């Protein structure tokens, strides 16, 4: 315990180094985008420097319409992700637990899963029009497969000995899911959640941009139609920041939820320099 505690500063140091290097990389990229238009590598009227984009972004932060659009995007993202996670988890546990059902649906899943969500845009517009519901359908469809595949693999990966032990103790279906299947599948579930969260954000912005439902995507389209190039870039920066924040949040939740799991503990110990 003393040795581990003594090495805790090393963990903090490595994390600080990682964050610092990431920030330096981002700063270098921003500097490149600042210089390239000014030296004529790209036309400045279509690719404004970073400084101008940041000024425009600051102006957008003072607009109530920006925050309304941001909240609408986050609302659609969260709702679609929630539906996809719940549905993907429930269906995944059922398919993973019942080999006959899994075999019966395997071909259908392999047929539907590769269909790009954007290919459904004409269909959802016909069904629901240029509304939030159309975008929501795309988000749920795309994120659902991320969760389903991960959960099915997690349930199938449960140790057969653990299943036999559950039968020996005469655990019912619910008890088996709660005490045997769920703990084993949880790392897969968290991976599916991380992937689904990213895909859901992409489809939310895409749906708003193409379909025209309210949100940041719609604001980007409006700015493009008005030839407000700087606003387009500023809003794109916001979507990128959203993606980073969501990924960081999900990873923090994953580390806390899986703090007991050997992979997380091994990562922590390795980070402490313990061999």
C-alpha atoms as a PDB file:
ATOM      1  CA  UNK A   1       0.000   0.000   0.000  1.00  0.00           C
ATOM      2  CA  UNK A   2       2.862   2.371   0.814  1.00  0.00           C
ATOM      3  CA  UNK A   3       4.558   1.607  -2.506  1.00  0.00           C
ATOM      4  CA  UNK A   4       1.344   2.191  -4.423  1.00  0.00           C
ATOM      5  CA  UNK A   5       0.630   5.409  -2.529  1.00  0.00           C
ATOM      6  CA  UNK A   6       4.166   6.601  -3.146  1.00  0.00           C
ATOM      7  CA  UNK A   7       3.719   6.134  -6.873  1.00  0.00           C
ATOM      8  CA  UNK A   8       0.404   8.021  -7.026  1.00  0.00           C
ATOM      9  CA  UNK A   9       2.168  11.275  -8.062  1.00  0.00           C
ATOM     10  CA  UNK A  10       3.567   9.377 -11.029  1.00  0.00           C
ATOM     11  CA  UNK A  11      -0.013   8.654 -12.155  1.00  0.00           C
ATOM     12  CA  UNK A  12      -0.877  12.338 -11.865  1.00  0.00           C
ATOM     13  CA  UNK A  13       2.308  13.232 -13.711  1.00  0.00           C
ATOM     14  CA  UNK A  14       1.523  10.903 -16.602  1.00  0.00           C
ATOM     15  CA  UNK A  15      -2.015  12.204 -16.898  1.00  0.00           C
ATOM     16  CA  UNK A  16      -0.741  15.787 -16.814  1.00  0.00           C
ATOM     17  CA  UNK A  17       1.787  14.942 -19.512  1.00  0.00           C
ATOM     18  CA  UNK A  18      -0.913  13.346 -21.667  1.00  0.00           C
ATOM     19  CA  UNK A  19      -3.222  16.346 -21.294  1.00  0.00           C
ATOM     20  CA  UNK A  20      -0.351  18.746 -21.977  1.00  0.00           C
ATOM     21  CA  UNK A  21       0.695  16.936 -25.143  1.00  0.00           C
ATOM     22  CA  UNK A  22      -2.912  16.844 -26.324  1.00  0.00           C
ATOM     23  CA  UNK A  23      -3.264  20.576 -25.711  1.00  0.00           C
ATOM     24  CA  UNK A  24      -0.011  21.279 -27.555  1.00  0.00           C
ATOM     25  CA  UNK A  25      -1.181  19.204 -30.509  1.00  0.00           C
ATOM     26  CA  UNK A  26      -4.450  21.130 -30.628  1.00  0.00           C
ATOM     27  CA  UNK A  27      -2.574  24.422 -30.353  1.00  0.00           C
ATOM     28  CA  UNK A  28      -0.315  23.410 -33.231  1.00  0.00           C
ATOM     29  CA  UNK A  29      -3.324  22.525 -35.375  1.00  0.00           C
ATOM     30  CA  UNK A  30      -4.953  25.884 -34.560  1.00  0.00           C
ATOM     31  CA  UNK A  31      -1.715  27.650 -35.464  1.00  0.00           C
ATOM     32  CA  UNK A  32      -1.607  25.823 -38.790  1.00  0.00           C
ATOM     33  CA  UNK A  33      -5.163  26.927 -39.549  1.00  0.00           C
ATOM     34  CA  UNK A  34      -4.184  30.479 -38.613  1.00  0.00           C
ATOM     35  CA  UNK A  35      -1.166  30.614 -40.909  1.00  0.00           C
ATOM     36  CA  UNK A  36      -2.425  28.668 -43.943  1.00  0.00           C
ATOM     37  CA  UNK A  37      -5.091  31.204 -45.054  1.00  0.00           C
ATOM     38  CA  UNK A  38      -2.833  34.190 -44.372  1.00  0.00           C
ATOM     39  CA  UNK A  39      -0.012  32.908 -46.595  1.00  0.00           C
ATOM     40  CA  UNK A  40      -2.405  31.952 -49.375  1.00  0.00           C
ATOM     41  CA  UNK A  41      -2.311  28.172 -49.058  1.00  0.00           C
ATOM     42  CA  UNK A  42      -6.118  28.242 -48.957  1.00  0.00           C
ATOM     43  CA  UNK A  43      -8.437  31.151 -49.900  1.00  0.00           C
ATOM     44  CA  UNK A  44      -9.036  33.256 -46.793  1.00  0.00           C
ATOM     45  CA  UNK A  45     -12.622  34.057 -47.793  1.00  0.00           C
ATOM     46  CA  UNK A  46     -13.532  30.360 -47.627  1.00  0.00           C
ATOM     47  CA  UNK A  47     -11.130  29.272 -44.871  1.00  0.00           C
ATOM     48  CA  UNK A  48     -10.852  32.058 -42.280  1.00  0.00           C
ATOM     49  CA  UNK A  49      -7.936  32.019 -39.802  1.00  0.00           C
ATOM     50  CA  UNK A  50      -8.383  30.538 -36.361  1.00  0.00           C
ATOM     51  CA  UNK A  51      -8.415  33.973 -34.703  1.00  0.00           C
ATOM     52  CA  UNK A  52     -11.374  35.103 -36.805  1.00  0.00           C
ATOM     53  CA  UNK A  53     -13.233  31.871 -36.131  1.00  0.00           C
ATOM     54  CA  UNK A  54     -12.735  32.296 -32.374  1.00  0.00           C
ATOM     55  CA  UNK A  55     -13.972  35.895 -32.511  1.00  0.00           C
ATOM     56  CA  UNK A  56     -17.088  34.746 -34.355  1.00  0.00           C
ATOM     57  CA  UNK A  57     -17.537  31.916 -31.883  1.00  0.00           C
ATOM     58  CA  UNK A  58     -17.445  34.431 -29.041  1.00  0.00           C
ATOM     59  CA  UNK A  59     -20.126  36.448 -30.786  1.00  0.00           C
ATOM     60  CA  UNK A  60     -22.264  33.341 -31.202  1.00  0.00           C
ATOM     61  CA  UNK A  61     -21.983  32.538 -27.507  1.00  0.00           C
ATOM     62  CA  UNK A  62     -23.741  35.821 -26.813  1.00  0.00           C
ATOM     63  CA  UNK A  63     -26.707  34.939 -29.031  1.00  0.00           C
ATOM     64  CA  UNK A  64     -29.787  33.320 -27.403  1.00  0.00           C
ATOM     65  CA  UNK A  65     -30.496  31.497 -30.683  1.00  0.00           C
ATOM     66  CA  UNK A  66     -27.169  29.675 -30.379  1.00  0.00           C
ATOM     67  CA  UNK A  67     -27.992  28.286 -26.942  1.00  0.00           C
ATOM     68  CA  UNK A  68     -31.485  27.312 -28.084  1.00  0.00           C
ATOM     69  CA  UNK A  69     -29.994  25.371 -30.994  1.00  0.00           C
ATOM     70  CA  UNK A  70     -27.381  23.764 -28.729  1.00  0.00           C
ATOM     71  CA  UNK A  71     -30.008  22.606 -26.236  1.00  0.00           C
ATOM     72  CA  UNK A  72     -32.142  21.178 -29.025  1.00  0.00           C
ATOM     73  CA  UNK A  73     -29.190  19.237 -30.390  1.00  0.00           C
ATOM     74  CA  UNK A  74     -28.286  17.881 -26.960  1.00  0.00           C
ATOM     75  CA  UNK A  75     -31.929  16.991 -26.322  1.00  0.00           C
ATOM     76  CA  UNK A  76     -32.236  15.010 -29.561  1.00  0.00           C
ATOM     77  CA  UNK A  77     -28.880  13.349 -28.932  1.00  0.00           C
ATOM     78  CA  UNK A  78     -29.736  12.354 -25.366  1.00  0.00           C
ATOM     79  CA  UNK A  79     -33.199  11.067 -26.224  1.00  0.00           C
ATOM     80  CA  UNK A  80     -31.991   9.023 -29.172  1.00  0.00           C
ATOM     81  CA  UNK A  81     -29.044   7.634 -27.218  1.00  0.00           C
ATOM     82  CA  UNK A  82     -31.253   6.646 -24.288  1.00  0.00           C
ATOM     83  CA  UNK A  83     -33.689   4.778 -26.522  1.00  0.00           C
ATOM     84  CA  UNK A  84     -30.872   3.034 -28.380  1.00  0.00           C
ATOM     85  CA  UNK A  85     -29.036   2.031 -25.184  1.00  0.00           C
ATOM     86  CA  UNK A  86     -32.122   0.594 -23.489  1.00  0.00           C
ATOM     87  CA  UNK A  87     -33.343  -1.215 -26.605  1.00  0.00           C
ATOM     88  CA  UNK A  88     -29.880  -2.460 -27.556  1.00  0.00           C
ATOM     89  CA  UNK A  89     -29.203  -3.756 -24.049  1.00  0.00           C
ATOM     90  CA  UNK A  90     -32.527  -5.561 -23.662  1.00  0.00           C
ATOM     91  CA  UNK A  91     -32.461  -7.120 -27.125  1.00  0.00           C
ATOM     92  CA  UNK A  92     -28.753  -7.933 -26.788  1.00  0.00           C
ATOM     93  CA  UNK A  93     -29.264  -9.817 -23.522  1.00  0.00           C
ATOM     94  CA  UNK A  94     -32.146 -11.782 -25.050  1.00  0.00           C
ATOM     95  CA  UNK A  95     -30.225 -12.703 -28.199  1.00  0.00           C
ATOM     96  CA  UNK A  96     -27.054 -13.511 -26.290  1.00  0.00           C
ATOM     97  CA  UNK A  97     -28.893 -15.701 -23.801  1.00  0.00           C
ATOM     98  CA  UNK A  98     -30.951 -17.647 -26.343  1.00  0.00           C
ATOM     99  CA  UNK A  99     -28.778 -19.316 -29.007  1.00  0.00           C
ATOM    100  CA  UNK A 100     -31.801 -20.359 -31.091  1.00  0.00           C
ATOM    101  CA  UNK A 101     -33.103 -16.796 -31.233  1.00  0.00           C
ATOM    102  CA  UNK A 102     -29.614 -15.494 -31.980  1.00  0.00           C
ATOM    103  CA  UNK A 103     -29.227 -17.912 -34.890  1.00  0.00           C
ATOM    104  CA  UNK A 104     -32.671 -17.041 -36.227  1.00  0.00           C
ATOM    105  CA  UNK A 105     -31.953 -13.302 -36.271  1.00  0.00           C
ATOM    106  CA  UNK A 106     -28.270 -13.344 -37.305  1.00  0.00           C
ATOM    107  CA  UNK A 107     -28.936 -12.984 -41.042  1.00  0.00           C
ATOM    108  CA  UNK A 108     -31.468 -10.209 -40.522  1.00  0.00           C
ATOM    109  CA  UNK A 109     -29.079  -8.287 -38.299  1.00  0.00           C
ATOM    110  CA  UNK A 110     -26.216  -8.667 -40.777  1.00  0.00           C
ATOM    111  CA  UNK A 111     -28.539  -7.373 -43.505  1.00  0.00           C
ATOM    112  CA  UNK A 112     -29.796  -4.328 -41.607  1.00  0.00           C
ATOM    113  CA  UNK A 113     -26.655  -3.312 -39.725  1.00  0.00           C
ATOM    114  CA  UNK A 114     -24.518  -2.227 -42.729  1.00  0.00           C
ATOM    115  CA  UNK A 115     -27.267   0.034 -44.130  1.00  0.00           C
ATOM    116  CA  UNK A 116     -26.017   3.624 -43.642  1.00  0.00           C
ATOM    117  CA  UNK A 117     -28.382   5.686 -41.537  1.00  0.00           C
ATOM    118  CA  UNK A 118     -28.144   8.571 -44.008  1.00  0.00           C
ATOM    119  CA  UNK A 119     -29.622   6.272 -46.657  1.00  0.00           C
ATOM    120  CA  UNK A 120     -32.832   6.324 -44.618  1.00  0.00           C
ATOM    121  CA  UNK A 121     -33.177  10.112 -44.827  1.00  0.00           C
ATOM    122  CA  UNK A 122     -35.582  10.110 -47.817  1.00  0.00           C
ATOM    123  CA  UNK A 123     -37.714   7.499 -46.072  1.00  0.00           C
ATOM    124  CA  UNK A 124     -37.961   9.294 -42.729  1.00  0.00           C
ATOM    125  CA  UNK A 125     -38.730  12.594 -44.454  1.00  0.00           C
ATOM    126  CA  UNK A 126     -41.638  10.933 -46.259  1.00  0.00           C
ATOM    127  CA  UNK A 127     -42.852   9.386 -43.002  1.00  0.00           C
ATOM    128  CA  UNK A 128     -42.360  12.276 -40.551  1.00  0.00           C
ATOM    129  CA  UNK A 129     -41.339  15.314 -42.594  1.00  0.00           C
ATOM    130  CA  UNK A 130     -38.468  17.681 -41.672  1.00  0.00           C
ATOM    131  CA  UNK A 131     -39.015  17.247 -37.939  1.00  0.00           C
ATOM    132  CA  UNK A 132     -37.056  16.242 -34.869  1.00  0.00           C
ATOM    133  CA  UNK A 133     -38.725  12.830 -35.029  1.00  0.00           C
ATOM    134  CA  UNK A 134     -37.040  12.149 -38.380  1.00  0.00           C
ATOM    135  CA  UNK A 135     -33.625  12.950 -36.919  1.00  0.00           C
ATOM    136  CA  UNK A 136     -34.439  10.888 -33.842  1.00  0.00           C
ATOM    137  CA  UNK A 137     -35.162   7.825 -35.978  1.00  0.00           C
ATOM    138  CA  UNK A 138     -31.742   8.140 -37.624  1.00  0.00           C
ATOM    139  CA  UNK A 139     -30.003   8.534 -34.265  1.00  0.00           C
ATOM    140  CA  UNK A 140     -31.733   5.525 -32.721  1.00  0.00           C
ATOM    141  CA  UNK A 141     -31.112   3.360 -35.781  1.00  0.00           C
ATOM    142  CA  UNK A 142     -27.394   4.130 -35.907  1.00  0.00           C
ATOM    143  CA  UNK A 143     -26.703   3.937 -32.162  1.00  0.00           C
ATOM    144  CA  UNK A 144     -28.835   0.820 -31.611  1.00  0.00           C
ATOM    145  CA  UNK A 145     -26.487  -1.414 -33.610  1.00  0.00           C
ATOM    146  CA  UNK A 146     -23.456  -0.213 -31.655  1.00  0.00           C
ATOM    147  CA  UNK A 147     -25.094  -1.281 -28.403  1.00  0.00           C
ATOM    148  CA  UNK A 148     -26.657  -4.490 -29.708  1.00  0.00           C
ATOM    149  CA  UNK A 149     -23.486  -6.004 -31.150  1.00  0.00           C
ATOM    150  CA  UNK A 150     -21.422  -5.208 -28.061  1.00  0.00           C
ATOM    151  CA  UNK A 151     -24.030  -6.557 -25.632  1.00  0.00           C
ATOM    152  CA  UNK A 152     -24.525  -9.766 -27.616  1.00  0.00           C
ATOM    153  CA  UNK A 153     -20.762 -10.389 -27.614  1.00  0.00           C
ATOM    154  CA  UNK A 154     -20.645  -9.638 -23.893  1.00  0.00           C
ATOM    155  CA  UNK A 155     -23.417 -12.079 -23.049  1.00  0.00           C
ATOM    156  CA  UNK A 156     -21.973 -14.810 -25.275  1.00  0.00           C
ATOM    157  CA  UNK A 157     -18.570 -14.303 -23.628  1.00  0.00           C
ATOM    158  CA  UNK A 158     -19.893 -15.236 -20.174  1.00  0.00           C
ATOM    159  CA  UNK A 159     -17.836 -18.058 -18.659  1.00  0.00           C
ATOM    160  CA  UNK A 160     -19.714 -21.381 -19.095  1.00  0.00           C
ATOM    161  CA  UNK A 161     -18.559 -22.408 -15.639  1.00  0.00           C
ATOM    162  CA  UNK A 162     -20.325 -19.388 -14.188  1.00  0.00           C
ATOM    163  CA  UNK A 163     -23.511 -20.358 -16.023  1.00  0.00           C
ATOM    164  CA  UNK A 164     -23.265 -23.922 -14.703  1.00  0.00           C
ATOM    165  CA  UNK A 165     -22.705 -22.583 -11.189  1.00  0.00           C
ATOM    166  CA  UNK A 166     -25.834 -20.439 -11.514  1.00  0.00           C
ATOM    167  CA  UNK A 167     -27.814 -23.507 -12.517  1.00  0.00           C
ATOM    168  CA  UNK A 168     -26.381 -25.442  -9.570  1.00  0.00           C
ATOM    169  CA  UNK A 169     -27.594 -22.745  -7.219  1.00  0.00           C
ATOM    170  CA  UNK A 170     -30.937 -22.776  -9.052  1.00  0.00           C
ATOM    171  CA  UNK A 171     -30.862 -19.118  -9.955  1.00  0.00           C
ATOM    172  CA  UNK A 172     -33.836 -18.075 -12.045  1.00  0.00           C
ATOM    173  CA  UNK A 173     -33.564 -16.134 -15.325  1.00  0.00           C
ATOM    174  CA  UNK A 174     -33.528 -12.768 -13.552  1.00  0.00           C
ATOM    175  CA  UNK A 175     -30.977 -13.936 -10.977  1.00  0.00           C
ATOM    176  CA  UNK A 176     -28.730 -15.304 -13.723  1.00  0.00           C
ATOM    177  CA  UNK A 177     -28.879 -12.026 -15.627  1.00  0.00           C
ATOM    178  CA  UNK A 178     -28.257  -9.949 -12.513  1.00  0.00           C
ATOM    179  CA  UNK A 179     -25.473 -11.930 -10.872  1.00  0.00           C
ATOM    180  CA  UNK A 180     -23.785 -13.747 -13.775  1.00  0.00           C
ATOM    181  CA  UNK A 181     -24.497 -12.222 -17.173  1.00  0.00           C
ATOM    182  CA  UNK A 182     -24.605  -8.515 -16.308  1.00  0.00           C
ATOM    183  CA  UNK A 183     -21.249  -8.261 -14.470  1.00  0.00           C
ATOM    184  CA  UNK A 184     -19.514 -10.175 -17.264  1.00  0.00           C
ATOM    185  CA  UNK A 185     -21.154  -8.182 -20.061  1.00  0.00           C
ATOM    186  CA  UNK A 186     -20.787  -4.763 -18.405  1.00  0.00           C
ATOM    187  CA  UNK A 187     -17.406  -3.924 -20.017  1.00  0.00           C
ATOM    188  CA  UNK A 188     -18.951  -4.616 -23.414  1.00  0.00           C
ATOM    189  CA  UNK A 189     -21.976  -2.518 -22.479  1.00  0.00           C
ATOM    190  CA  UNK A 190     -19.769   0.441 -21.597  1.00  0.00           C
ATOM    191  CA  UNK A 191     -17.844   0.089 -24.842  1.00  0.00           C
ATOM    192  CA  UNK A 192     -21.137   0.036 -26.719  1.00  0.00           C
ATOM    193  CA  UNK A 193     -22.281   3.131 -24.838  1.00  0.00           C
ATOM    194  CA  UNK A 194     -19.108   5.010 -25.775  1.00  0.00           C
ATOM    195  CA  UNK A 195     -19.445   4.075 -29.440  1.00  0.00           C
ATOM    196  CA  UNK A 196     -23.179   4.757 -29.498  1.00  0.00           C
ATOM    197  CA  UNK A 197     -22.734   8.193 -27.901  1.00  0.00           C
ATOM    198  CA  UNK A 198     -20.314   9.274 -30.626  1.00  0.00           C
ATOM    199  CA  UNK A 199     -22.432   7.864 -33.451  1.00  0.00           C
ATOM    200  CA  UNK A 200     -25.577   9.441 -31.978  1.00  0.00           C
ATOM    201  CA  UNK A 201     -23.947  12.884 -31.988  1.00  0.00           C
ATOM    202  CA  UNK A 202     -22.806  12.474 -35.598  1.00  0.00           C
ATOM    203  CA  UNK A 203     -26.282  11.464 -36.748  1.00  0.00           C
ATOM    204  CA  UNK A 204     -27.931  14.224 -34.733  1.00  0.00           C
ATOM    205  CA  UNK A 205     -25.864  16.905 -36.471  1.00  0.00           C
ATOM    206  CA  UNK A 206     -26.244  15.181 -39.849  1.00  0.00           C
ATOM    207  CA  UNK A 207     -30.000  14.882 -39.477  1.00  0.00           C
ATOM    208  CA  UNK A 208     -30.366  18.526 -38.520  1.00  0.00           C
ATOM    209  CA  UNK A 209     -28.122  19.581 -41.384  1.00  0.00           C
ATOM    210  CA  UNK A 210     -29.794  17.507 -44.102  1.00  0.00           C
ATOM    211  CA  UNK A 211     -33.361  17.131 -42.873  1.00  0.00           C
ATOM    212  CA  UNK A 212     -33.643  20.618 -41.423  1.00  0.00           C
ATOM    213  CA  UNK A 213     -34.808  19.784 -37.904  1.00  0.00           C
ATOM    214  CA  UNK A 214     -33.939  22.411 -35.250  1.00  0.00           C
ATOM    215  CA  UNK A 215     -30.432  22.357 -33.779  1.00  0.00           C
ATOM    216  CA  UNK A 216     -26.809  23.167 -34.498  1.00  0.00           C
ATOM    217  CA  UNK A 217     -26.917  21.334 -37.823  1.00  0.00           C
ATOM    218  CA  UNK A 218     -29.782  23.525 -38.988  1.00  0.00           C
ATOM    219  CA  UNK A 219     -27.875  26.631 -37.877  1.00  0.00           C
ATOM    220  CA  UNK A 220     -24.844  25.485 -39.882  1.00  0.00           C
ATOM    221  CA  UNK A 221     -27.035  25.051 -42.938  1.00  0.00           C
ATOM    222  CA  UNK A 222     -28.615  28.484 -42.443  1.00  0.00           C
ATOM    223  CA  UNK A 223     -25.174  30.074 -42.153  1.00  0.00           C
ATOM    224  CA  UNK A 224     -23.993  28.284 -45.292  1.00  0.00           C
ATOM    225  CA  UNK A 225     -27.060  29.435 -47.213  1.00  0.00           C
ATOM    226  CA  UNK A 226     -26.374  33.013 -46.058  1.00  0.00           C
ATOM    227  CA  UNK A 227     -22.696  32.719 -47.051  1.00  0.00           C
ATOM    228  CA  UNK A 228     -21.712  33.397 -43.418  1.00  0.00           C
ATOM    229  CA  UNK A 229     -18.504  31.390 -43.669  1.00  0.00           C
ATOM    230  CA  UNK A 230     -17.112  32.341 -40.265  1.00  0.00           C
ATOM    231  CA  UNK A 231     -20.302  31.294 -38.510  1.00  0.00           C
ATOM    232  CA  UNK A 232     -20.177  27.946 -40.317  1.00  0.00           C
ATOM    233  CA  UNK A 233     -16.658  27.311 -39.012  1.00  0.00           C
ATOM    234  CA  UNK A 234     -17.527  28.546 -35.513  1.00  0.00           C
ATOM    235  CA  UNK A 235     -20.465  26.151 -35.250  1.00  0.00           C
ATOM    236  CA  UNK A 236     -18.353  23.292 -36.603  1.00  0.00           C
ATOM    237  CA  UNK A 237     -15.863  23.999 -33.806  1.00  0.00           C
ATOM    238  CA  UNK A 238     -18.733  23.738 -31.311  1.00  0.00           C
ATOM    239  CA  UNK A 239     -19.727  20.318 -32.645  1.00  0.00           C
ATOM    240  CA  UNK A 240     -16.112  19.168 -32.321  1.00  0.00           C
ATOM    241  CA  UNK A 241     -15.922  20.392 -28.741  1.00  0.00           C
ATOM    242  CA  UNK A 242     -19.191  18.607 -27.980  1.00  0.00           C
ATOM    243  CA  UNK A 243     -17.728  15.358 -29.301  1.00  0.00           C
ATOM    244  CA  UNK A 244     -14.631  15.687 -27.129  1.00  0.00           C
ATOM    245  CA  UNK A 245     -16.641  16.531 -23.998  1.00  0.00           C
ATOM    246  CA  UNK A 246     -19.038  13.641 -24.528  1.00  0.00           C
ATOM    247  CA  UNK A 247     -16.167  11.200 -25.038  1.00  0.00           C
ATOM    248  CA  UNK A 248     -14.393  12.426 -21.890  1.00  0.00           C
ATOM    249  CA  UNK A 249     -17.628  12.173 -19.882  1.00  0.00           C
ATOM    250  CA  UNK A 250     -18.373   8.630 -21.055  1.00  0.00           C
ATOM    251  CA  UNK A 251     -14.811   7.515 -20.319  1.00  0.00           C
ATOM    252  CA  UNK A 252     -15.014   8.925 -16.798  1.00  0.00           C
ATOM    253  CA  UNK A 253     -18.289   7.086 -16.230  1.00  0.00           C
ATOM    254  CA  UNK A 254     -16.733   3.919 -17.665  1.00  0.00           C
ATOM    255  CA  UNK A 255     -13.769   4.093 -15.282  1.00  0.00           C
ATOM    256  CA  UNK A 256     -16.027   4.556 -12.276  1.00  0.00           C
ATOM    257  CA  UNK A 257     -18.482   1.838 -13.259  1.00  0.00           C
ATOM    258  CA  UNK A 258     -15.712  -0.633 -14.096  1.00  0.00           C
ATOM    259  CA  UNK A 259     -13.386   0.251 -11.212  1.00  0.00           C
ATOM    260  CA  UNK A 260     -13.744  -3.349 -10.004  1.00  0.00           C
ATOM    261  CA  UNK A 261     -12.924  -4.895 -13.366  1.00  0.00           C
ATOM    262  CA  UNK A 262      -9.437  -6.453 -13.868  1.00  0.00           C
ATOM    263  CA  UNK A 263      -8.809  -4.474 -17.074  1.00  0.00           C
ATOM    264  CA  UNK A 264      -9.419  -1.154 -15.333  1.00  0.00           C
ATOM    265  CA  UNK A 265      -7.393  -2.170 -12.294  1.00  0.00           C
ATOM    266  CA  UNK A 266      -4.552  -3.375 -14.504  1.00  0.00           C
ATOM    267  CA  UNK A 267      -4.590  -0.060 -16.368  1.00  0.00           C
ATOM    268  CA  UNK A 268      -4.405   1.822 -13.080  1.00  0.00           C
ATOM    269  CA  UNK A 269      -1.588  -0.343 -11.721  1.00  0.00           C
ATOM    270  CA  UNK A 270       0.368  -0.004 -14.961  1.00  0.00           C
ATOM    271  CA  UNK A 271      -0.110   3.733 -14.793  1.00  0.00           C
ATOM    272  CA  UNK A 272       1.361   3.635 -11.281  1.00  0.00           C
ATOM    273  CA  UNK A 273       4.435   1.859 -12.587  1.00  0.00           C
ATOM    274  CA  UNK A 274       3.708  -1.349 -10.666  1.00  0.00           C
ATOM    275  CA  UNK A 275       4.939  -4.469 -12.478  1.00  0.00           C
END
